[in-house]
Amino acid sequence: MSRLRKIYQDCDVFTKAEALVDKSRARAEELAESVDNEDFKQLLKFFCETVLAEETPEEKPEPNVLMPQPIS
């Protein structure tokens, strides 16, 4: 698996794939804007915003750790 990952990285596959996704997202948004029926346009825009949404890095919440308190 690590060998395959190295090949992909050497060929810059991930960057190229991201560029293709961005291009497809932009094209889908253009097509949604060109629709005359307002309800259908809103549905297509919703799909663009949800299904084709740009990935955001996951934020991992900091765990709440209970700390013992000194007894006074």
C-alpha atoms as a PDB file:
ATOM      1  CA  MET A   1       0.000   0.000   0.000  1.00  0.00           C
ATOM      2  CA  SER A   2       2.817   2.433   0.803  1.00  0.00           C
ATOM      3  CA  ARG A   3       4.382   1.701  -2.592  1.00  0.00           C
ATOM      4  CA  LEU A   4       1.130   2.568  -4.335  1.00  0.00           C
ATOM      5  CA  ARG A   5       0.819   5.780  -2.303  1.00  0.00           C
ATOM      6  CA  LYS A   6       4.354   6.761  -3.335  1.00  0.00           C
ATOM      7  CA  ILE A   7       3.542   6.150  -7.007  1.00  0.00           C
ATOM      8  CA  TYR A   8       0.405   8.297  -6.691  1.00  0.00           C
ATOM      9  CA  GLN A   9       2.352  11.058  -4.983  1.00  0.00           C
ATOM     10  CA  ASP A  10       5.154  10.913  -7.551  1.00  0.00           C
ATOM     11  CA  CYS A  11       2.586  11.258 -10.343  1.00  0.00           C
ATOM     12  CA  ASP A  12       0.831  14.094  -8.470  1.00  0.00           C
ATOM     13  CA  VAL A  13      -2.450  12.179  -8.734  1.00  0.00           C
ATOM     14  CA  PHE A  14      -4.076  13.753  -5.683  1.00  0.00           C
ATOM     15  CA  THR A  15      -3.487  17.322  -6.861  1.00  0.00           C
ATOM     16  CA  LYS A  16      -4.761  16.479 -10.339  1.00  0.00           C
ATOM     17  CA  ALA A  17      -7.848  14.785  -8.917  1.00  0.00           C
ATOM     18  CA  GLU A  18      -8.565  17.804  -6.726  1.00  0.00           C
ATOM     19  CA  ALA A  19      -8.303  20.089  -9.764  1.00  0.00           C
ATOM     20  CA  LEU A  20     -10.760  17.880 -11.686  1.00  0.00           C
ATOM     21  CA  VAL A  21     -13.216  17.941  -8.787  1.00  0.00           C
ATOM     22  CA  ASP A  22     -12.950  21.740  -8.562  1.00  0.00           C
ATOM     23  CA  LYS A  23     -13.547  22.051 -12.299  1.00  0.00           C
ATOM     24  CA  SER A  24     -16.554  19.710 -12.127  1.00  0.00           C
ATOM     25  CA  ARG A  25     -17.971  21.638  -9.168  1.00  0.00           C
ATOM     26  CA  ALA A  26     -17.649  24.937 -11.042  1.00  0.00           C
ATOM     27  CA  ARG A  27     -19.309  23.437 -14.121  1.00  0.00           C
ATOM     28  CA  ALA A  28     -22.188  22.050 -12.038  1.00  0.00           C
ATOM     29  CA  GLU A  29     -22.713  25.467 -10.438  1.00  0.00           C
ATOM     30  CA  GLU A  30     -22.765  27.114 -13.891  1.00  0.00           C
ATOM     31  CA  LEU A  31     -25.331  24.615 -15.134  1.00  0.00           C
ATOM     32  CA  ALA A  32     -27.487  25.130 -12.051  1.00  0.00           C
ATOM     33  CA  GLU A  33     -27.472  28.887 -12.655  1.00  0.00           C
ATOM     34  CA  SER A  34     -28.580  28.417 -16.260  1.00  0.00           C
ATOM     35  CA  VAL A  35     -31.811  26.595 -15.322  1.00  0.00           C
ATOM     36  CA  ASP A  36     -34.969  28.668 -15.846  1.00  0.00           C
ATOM     37  CA  ASN A  37     -37.236  26.867 -13.384  1.00  0.00           C
ATOM     38  CA  GLU A  38     -36.509  28.529 -10.034  1.00  0.00           C
ATOM     39  CA  ASP A  39     -37.471  25.514  -7.894  1.00  0.00           C
ATOM     40  CA  PHE A  40     -35.284  23.175  -9.920  1.00  0.00           C
ATOM     41  CA  LYS A  41     -32.457  25.726  -9.869  1.00  0.00           C
ATOM     42  CA  GLN A  42     -32.625  25.870  -6.067  1.00  0.00           C
ATOM     43  CA  LEU A  43     -32.535  22.067  -5.877  1.00  0.00           C
ATOM     44  CA  LEU A  44     -29.466  21.898  -8.117  1.00  0.00           C
ATOM     45  CA  LYS A  45     -27.746  24.627  -6.109  1.00  0.00           C
ATOM     46  CA  PHE A  46     -28.524  22.683  -2.936  1.00  0.00           C
ATOM     47  CA  PHE A  47     -26.871  19.606  -4.459  1.00  0.00           C
ATOM     48  CA  CYS A  48     -23.825  21.668  -5.395  1.00  0.00           C
ATOM     49  CA  GLU A  49     -23.547  22.997  -1.853  1.00  0.00           C
ATOM     50  CA  THR A  50     -23.988  19.623  -0.166  1.00  0.00           C
ATOM     51  CA  VAL A  51     -22.894  16.799  -2.452  1.00  0.00           C
ATOM     52  CA  LEU A  52     -20.158  18.755  -4.205  1.00  0.00           C
ATOM     53  CA  ALA A  53     -19.140  20.829  -1.197  1.00  0.00           C
ATOM     54  CA  GLU A  54     -15.462  21.510  -0.724  1.00  0.00           C
ATOM     55  CA  GLU A  55     -13.906  19.363   1.937  1.00  0.00           C
ATOM     56  CA  THR A  56     -12.967  21.071   5.130  1.00  0.00           C
ATOM     57  CA  PRO A  57     -10.421  19.649   7.507  1.00  0.00           C
ATOM     58  CA  GLU A  58     -12.020  17.831  10.390  1.00  0.00           C
ATOM     59  CA  GLU A  59     -11.635  19.527  13.694  1.00  0.00           C
ATOM     60  CA  LYS A  60     -11.196  17.069  16.488  1.00  0.00           C
ATOM     61  CA  PRO A  61     -12.676  18.360  19.714  1.00  0.00           C
ATOM     62  CA  GLU A  62     -10.377  18.462  22.667  1.00  0.00           C
ATOM     63  CA  PRO A  63     -11.409  15.841  25.173  1.00  0.00           C
ATOM     64  CA  ASN A  64     -12.774  17.085  28.447  1.00  0.00           C
ATOM     65  CA  VAL A  65     -10.527  15.545  31.040  1.00  0.00           C
ATOM     66  CA  LEU A  66     -11.532  15.598  34.658  1.00  0.00           C
ATOM     67  CA  MET A  67      -8.602  16.488  36.843  1.00  0.00           C
ATOM     68  CA  PRO A  68      -8.509  15.625  40.517  1.00  0.00           C
ATOM     69  CA  GLN A  69      -8.679  18.652  42.756  1.00  0.00           C
ATOM     70  CA  PRO A  70      -6.615  18.951  45.916  1.00  0.00           C
ATOM     71  CA  ILE A  71      -8.499  18.430  49.139  1.00  0.00           C
ATOM     72  CA  SER A  72      -8.208  21.420  51.423  1.00  0.00           C
END
